[in-house]
């Protein structure tokens, strides 16, 4: 009887050790996901910031507040709103990552 109890206790210990390893691995994977998401976001922000900079004649002469004002005015224009709606509708229609951001053909209209 003692051997059976000992064997069950050993099995519990092994199972608990496996559980701890799995929980640790889960934390590592969650951290990797957060890191990748943060890197992706940073890349997206830098890329889009560079795009904006390319359209400003003298970006160093414009304040953040002025850039914000320019963008507010541009995004309140009816043609900009229409283009944005088309882009979002196109992305929603395709809803795949390979189509996200592919709106360049719409800007030629």
Protein backbone atom coordinates (compact mmCIF):
# COMPACT_ATOMS: atom_id res chain seq x y z
CA UNK A 1 0.00 0.00 0.00
CA UNK A 2 2.84 2.39 0.86
CA UNK A 3 4.50 1.79 -2.49
CA UNK A 4 1.31 2.65 -4.32
CA UNK A 5 0.92 5.86 -2.30
CA UNK A 6 4.57 6.73 -2.88
CA UNK A 7 4.17 6.15 -6.61
CA UNK A 8 1.08 8.39 -6.72
CA UNK A 9 2.92 11.13 -4.82
CA UNK A 10 5.83 10.90 -7.28
CA UNK A 11 3.39 11.16 -10.18
CA UNK A 12 1.86 14.27 -8.58
CA UNK A 13 5.31 15.83 -8.19
CA UNK A 14 6.18 15.08 -11.82
CA UNK A 15 2.89 16.50 -13.01
CA UNK A 16 3.31 19.63 -10.90
CA UNK A 17 6.84 20.08 -12.27
CA UNK A 18 5.50 19.76 -15.83
CA UNK A 19 2.80 22.29 -15.00
CA UNK A 20 5.39 24.76 -13.66
CA UNK A 21 7.51 24.33 -16.81
CA UNK A 22 4.46 24.86 -19.01
CA UNK A 23 3.45 27.97 -17.06
CA UNK A 24 6.99 29.33 -17.34
CA UNK A 25 7.01 28.65 -21.08
CA UNK A 26 3.63 30.40 -21.38
CA UNK A 27 5.06 33.51 -19.69
CA UNK A 28 8.05 33.47 -22.05
CA UNK A 29 5.77 33.17 -25.09
CA UNK A 30 3.50 35.97 -23.85
CA UNK A 31 6.57 38.18 -23.38
CA UNK A 32 7.75 37.34 -26.92
CA UNK A 33 4.32 38.27 -28.32
CA UNK A 34 4.37 41.62 -26.46
CA UNK A 35 7.90 42.31 -27.72
CA UNK A 36 6.99 41.49 -31.32
CA UNK A 37 3.84 43.63 -31.15
CA UNK A 38 5.82 46.54 -29.70
CA UNK A 39 8.52 46.20 -32.39
CA UNK A 40 5.87 46.03 -35.12
CA UNK A 41 4.15 49.14 -33.74
CA UNK A 42 7.45 51.03 -33.47
CA UNK A 43 8.34 50.11 -37.05
CA UNK A 44 4.90 51.21 -38.27
CA UNK A 45 5.17 54.54 -36.43
CA UNK A 46 8.68 55.22 -37.76
CA UNK A 47 7.70 54.28 -41.32
CA UNK A 48 4.60 56.46 -41.30
CA UNK A 49 6.48 59.31 -39.65
CA UNK A 50 9.07 59.11 -42.43
CA UNK A 51 6.27 59.17 -45.01
CA UNK A 52 4.86 62.32 -43.44
CA UNK A 53 8.32 63.89 -43.29
CA UNK A 54 8.76 63.29 -47.03
CA UNK A 55 5.67 65.40 -47.75
CA UNK A 56 6.71 68.37 -45.62
CA UNK A 57 9.00 70.83 -47.46
CA UNK A 58 11.02 71.71 -44.32
CA UNK A 59 10.01 69.29 -41.56
CA UNK A 60 12.54 70.71 -39.10
CA UNK A 61 10.82 74.13 -39.35
CA UNK A 62 7.38 72.79 -38.36
CA UNK A 63 6.32 72.13 -34.76
CA UNK A 64 4.43 69.04 -33.63
CA UNK A 65 1.39 71.21 -32.97
CA UNK A 66 1.53 72.61 -36.53
CA UNK A 67 1.81 69.10 -38.00
CA UNK A 68 -1.19 68.08 -35.91
CA UNK A 69 -3.16 71.07 -37.24
CA UNK A 70 -2.20 70.24 -40.83
CA UNK A 71 -3.34 66.64 -40.39
CA UNK A 72 -6.62 67.68 -38.73
CA UNK A 73 -7.41 69.98 -41.66
CA UNK A 74 -6.46 67.34 -44.22
CA UNK A 75 -8.51 64.62 -42.57
CA UNK A 76 -11.59 66.83 -42.35
CA UNK A 77 -11.65 67.38 -46.12
CA UNK A 78 -14.43 65.49 -47.88
CA UNK A 79 -12.11 64.00 -50.52
CA UNK A 80 -9.78 62.70 -47.80
CA UNK A 81 -12.70 61.22 -45.87
CA UNK A 82 -13.92 59.54 -49.05
CA UNK A 83 -10.48 58.08 -49.78
CA UNK A 84 -10.16 56.85 -46.20
CA UNK A 85 -13.57 55.15 -46.39
CA UNK A 86 -12.52 53.46 -49.65
CA UNK A 87 -9.27 52.25 -48.12
CA UNK A 88 -11.00 50.88 -45.04
CA UNK A 89 -13.72 49.21 -47.13
CA UNK A 90 -11.07 47.64 -49.35
CA UNK A 91 -9.14 46.36 -46.34
CA UNK A 92 -12.30 45.01 -44.74
CA UNK A 93 -13.32 43.30 -47.97
CA UNK A 94 -10.01 41.50 -48.25
CA UNK A 95 -9.43 41.30 -44.47
CA UNK A 96 -6.12 39.55 -45.01
CA UNK A 97 -2.78 40.88 -43.84
CA UNK A 98 -1.35 40.79 -47.34
CA UNK A 99 -3.91 43.42 -48.44
CA UNK A 100 -3.53 45.74 -45.46
CA UNK A 101 -2.08 49.06 -46.51
CA UNK A 102 -2.42 48.39 -50.23
CA UNK A 103 -4.37 51.49 -51.13
CA UNK A 104 -1.92 53.14 -53.49
CA UNK A 105 -4.11 52.27 -56.48
CA UNK A 106 -6.98 54.24 -54.88
CA UNK A 107 -4.94 57.43 -54.64
CA UNK A 108 -4.55 57.51 -58.44
CA UNK A 109 -8.28 58.17 -58.91
